[in-house]
C-alpha atoms as a PDB file:
ATOM      1  CA  MET A   1     -22.343 -42.803 -52.280  1.00  0.00           C
ATOM      2  CA  ILE A   2     -20.264 -39.960 -52.544  1.00  0.00           C
ATOM      3  CA  ARG A   3     -17.457 -39.819 -49.940  1.00  0.00           C
ATOM      4  CA  ARG A   4     -15.119 -36.831 -49.050  1.00  0.00           C
ATOM      5  CA  CYS A   5     -12.143 -38.310 -50.359  1.00  0.00           C
ATOM      6  CA  ASP A   6     -14.158 -38.962 -53.844  1.00  0.00           C
ATOM      7  CA  LEU A   7     -14.816 -34.904 -54.270  1.00  0.00           C
ATOM      8  CA  LEU A   8     -12.346 -32.779 -56.340  1.00  0.00           C
ATOM      9  CA  PRO A   9     -10.799 -30.348 -54.034  1.00  0.00           C
ATOM     10  CA  GLN A  10     -12.479 -27.353 -55.324  1.00  0.00           C
ATOM     11  CA  TYR A  11     -15.708 -29.006 -54.343  1.00  0.00           C
ATOM     12  CA  ARG A  12     -15.006 -29.788 -50.918  1.00  0.00           C
ATOM     13  CA  ALA A  13     -15.914 -26.488 -49.651  1.00  0.00           C
ATOM     14  CA  TYR A  14     -19.597 -27.412 -50.961  1.00  0.00           C
ATOM     15  CA  GLU A  15     -19.854 -30.847 -49.684  1.00  0.00           C
ATOM     16  CA  ARG A  16     -22.834 -30.081 -47.460  1.00  0.00           C
ATOM     17  CA  GLU A  17     -24.496 -28.207 -50.152  1.00  0.00           C
ATOM     18  CA  ILE A  18     -23.880 -31.109 -52.671  1.00  0.00           C
ATOM     19  CA  ASP A  19     -24.925 -33.815 -50.063  1.00  0.00           C
ATOM     20  CA  ALA A  20     -28.284 -31.966 -49.476  1.00  0.00           C
ATOM     21  CA  ALA A  21     -28.915 -31.611 -53.072  1.00  0.00           C
ATOM     22  CA  ILE A  22     -28.366 -35.158 -53.641  1.00  0.00           C
ATOM     23  CA  HIS A  23     -30.935 -36.043 -50.974  1.00  0.00           C
ATOM     24  CA  ASP A  24     -33.303 -33.556 -52.258  1.00  0.00           C
ATOM     25  CA  ALA A  25     -33.100 -35.085 -55.794  1.00  0.00           C
ATOM     26  CA  TYR A  26     -33.501 -38.392 -54.620  1.00  0.00           C
ATOM     27  CA  GLY A  27     -36.705 -37.561 -52.938  1.00  0.00           C
ATOM     28  CA  LYS A  28     -37.876 -35.596 -55.850  1.00  0.00           C
ATOM     29  CA  ALA A  29     -37.094 -38.835 -58.373  1.00  0.00           C
ATOM     30  CA  LEU A  30     -39.327 -40.750 -56.027  1.00  0.00           C
ATOM     31  CA  GLY A  31     -41.976 -38.098 -55.889  1.00  0.00           C
ATOM     32  CA  LEU A  32     -41.329 -37.898 -51.874  1.00  0.00           C
ATOM     33  CA  ASN A  33     -39.964 -35.001 -49.429  1.00  0.00           C
ATOM     34  CA  CYS A  34     -36.630 -36.387 -48.991  1.00  0.00           C
ATOM     35  CA  PHE A  35     -37.215 -36.896 -44.939  1.00  0.00           C
ATOM     36  CA  ARG A  36     -39.564 -39.639 -45.977  1.00  0.00           C
ATOM     37  CA  THR A  37     -36.862 -41.514 -47.513  1.00  0.00           C
ATOM     38  CA  TYR A  38     -34.996 -41.968 -44.365  1.00  0.00           C
ATOM     39  CA  GLY A  39     -36.686 -45.276 -43.109  1.00  0.00           C
ATOM     40  CA  PRO A  40     -35.731 -49.083 -43.794  1.00  0.00           C
ATOM     41  CA  ASP A  41     -37.861 -49.004 -46.856  1.00  0.00           C
ATOM     42  CA  PHE A  42     -35.257 -46.738 -48.475  1.00  0.00           C
ATOM     43  CA  LEU A  43     -32.039 -47.346 -46.659  1.00  0.00           C
ATOM     44  CA  SER A  44     -30.026 -50.414 -47.225  1.00  0.00           C
ATOM     45  CA  THR A  45     -27.875 -49.959 -43.755  1.00  0.00           C
ATOM     46  CA  ASP A  46     -29.013 -48.838 -40.282  1.00  0.00           C
ATOM     47  CA  LEU A  47     -27.354 -45.792 -38.297  1.00  0.00           C
ATOM     48  CA  GLY A  48     -25.085 -48.654 -36.459  1.00  0.00           C
ATOM     49  CA  HIS A  49     -23.114 -48.684 -39.823  1.00  0.00           C
ATOM     50  CA  TYR A  50     -22.111 -45.262 -39.402  1.00  0.00           C
ATOM     51  CA  LEU A  51     -22.340 -44.243 -35.807  1.00  0.00           C
ATOM     52  CA  GLY A  52     -21.764 -47.672 -33.689  1.00  0.00           C
ATOM     53  CA  LYS A  53     -23.415 -50.519 -32.237  1.00  0.00           C
ATOM     54  CA  GLU A  54     -25.711 -48.311 -30.102  1.00  0.00           C
ATOM     55  CA  PHE A  55     -27.453 -47.252 -32.979  1.00  0.00           C
ATOM     56  CA  ALA A  56     -27.946 -50.642 -34.466  1.00  0.00           C
ATOM     57  CA  GLY A  57     -31.247 -51.260 -36.083  1.00  0.00           C
ATOM     58  CA  GLU A  58     -32.157 -47.454 -36.080  1.00  0.00           C
ATOM     59  CA  THR A  59     -32.851 -45.593 -39.091  1.00  0.00           C
ATOM     60  CA  LEU A  60     -32.726 -41.652 -39.386  1.00  0.00           C
ATOM     61  CA  ASP A  61     -36.734 -41.680 -39.669  1.00  0.00           C
ATOM     62  CA  ARG A  62     -36.647 -42.043 -35.870  1.00  0.00           C
ATOM     63  CA  TYR A  63     -34.913 -38.801 -35.628  1.00  0.00           C
ATOM     64  CA  VAL A  64     -36.310 -36.272 -38.173  1.00  0.00           C
ATOM     65  CA  LEU A  65     -39.965 -35.241 -39.033  1.00  0.00           C
ATOM     66  CA  PRO A  66     -41.277 -36.602 -42.242  1.00  0.00           C
ATOM     67  CA  GLU A  67     -42.396 -32.999 -43.318  1.00  0.00           C
ATOM     68  CA  PRO A  68     -41.415 -29.630 -42.371  1.00  0.00           C
ATOM     69  CA  LYS A  69     -43.287 -27.598 -39.723  1.00  0.00           C
ATOM     70  CA  PRO A  70     -44.769 -24.480 -40.980  1.00  0.00           C
ATOM     71  CA  ARG A  71     -43.541 -22.743 -37.992  1.00  0.00           C
ATOM     72  CA  MET A  72     -40.931 -23.228 -35.784  1.00  0.00           C
ATOM     73  CA  PRO A  73     -40.296 -21.089 -32.377  1.00  0.00           C
ATOM     74  CA  LEU A  74     -36.988 -19.070 -32.296  1.00  0.00           C
ATOM     75  CA  TYR A  75     -35.170 -17.626 -29.344  1.00  0.00           C
ATOM     76  CA  HIS A  76     -31.857 -15.848 -29.131  1.00  0.00           C
ATOM     77  CA  LEU A  77     -30.383 -14.548 -26.128  1.00  0.00           C
ATOM     78  CA  ILE A  78     -28.130 -11.834 -25.708  1.00  0.00           C
ATOM     79  CA  GLY A  79     -24.684 -12.694 -24.070  1.00  0.00           C
ATOM     80  CA  ALA A  80     -21.882 -10.824 -22.952  1.00  0.00           C
ATOM     81  CA  LEU A  81     -19.843 -11.223 -26.156  1.00  0.00           C
ATOM     82  CA  ASP A  82     -22.676 -10.582 -28.587  1.00  0.00           C
ATOM     83  CA  PRO A  83     -22.139  -7.301 -30.586  1.00  0.00           C
ATOM     84  CA  LEU A  84     -24.237  -4.202 -29.728  1.00  0.00           C
ATOM     85  CA  THR A  85     -23.187  -1.253 -31.314  1.00  0.00           C
ATOM     86  CA  PRO A  86     -22.760  -0.665 -35.061  1.00  0.00           C
ATOM     87  CA  ALA A  87     -19.043  -0.838 -34.952  1.00  0.00           C
ATOM     88  CA  GLU A  88     -19.375  -4.211 -33.367  1.00  0.00           C
ATOM     89  CA  MET A  89     -21.806  -5.530 -35.843  1.00  0.00           C
ATOM     90  CA  LYS A  90     -19.449  -4.519 -38.633  1.00  0.00           C
ATOM     91  CA  LYS A  91     -16.399  -6.335 -36.945  1.00  0.00           C
ATOM     92  CA  ALA A  92     -18.401  -9.150 -36.417  1.00  0.00           C
ATOM     93  CA  GLN A  93     -19.939  -9.588 -39.938  1.00  0.00           C
ATOM     94  CA  ASP A  94     -16.258  -8.817 -41.508  1.00  0.00           C
ATOM     95  CA  GLU A  95     -15.032 -11.818 -39.313  1.00  0.00           C
ATOM     96  CA  PHE A  96     -17.885 -14.005 -40.287  1.00  0.00           C
ATOM     97  CA  VAL A  97     -17.432 -13.257 -44.119  1.00  0.00           C
ATOM     98  CA  ALA A  98     -13.654 -13.974 -43.855  1.00  0.00           C
ATOM     99  CA  GLN A  99     -14.372 -17.188 -41.938  1.00  0.00           C
ATOM    100  CA  GLN A 100     -16.608 -18.186 -44.587  1.00  0.00           C
ATOM    101  CA  ALA A 101     -14.200 -17.424 -47.261  1.00  0.00           C
ATOM    102  CA  LYS A 102     -11.517 -19.619 -45.575  1.00  0.00           C
ATOM    103  CA  GLN A 103     -13.705 -22.571 -45.466  1.00  0.00           C
ATOM    104  CA  LYS A 104     -14.670 -22.361 -48.960  1.00  0.00           C
ATOM    105  CA  ARG A 105     -10.825 -22.850 -49.953  1.00  0.00           C
END
């Protein structure tokens, strides 16, 4: 298992992507959707090992679907702080890009 402390500093920004790629590759190597590998047949420890005794005996397959849904509803509420004008959108995009760049360092 790759742990955060094992990753070279330049790869820490991509930790989620690396983790997703490993899960996907594991499923592909077995000829399965990776979500089908989150049950006791494929995992050596239960969620209690990572999340505490209240999750003892449970595996991730209880919380995720084995196959992706073809469609999912999406709802978005506009709040008082959401950008509405082109200038507000540009400012929000610039802030988002700066935040993403900062996280990848």
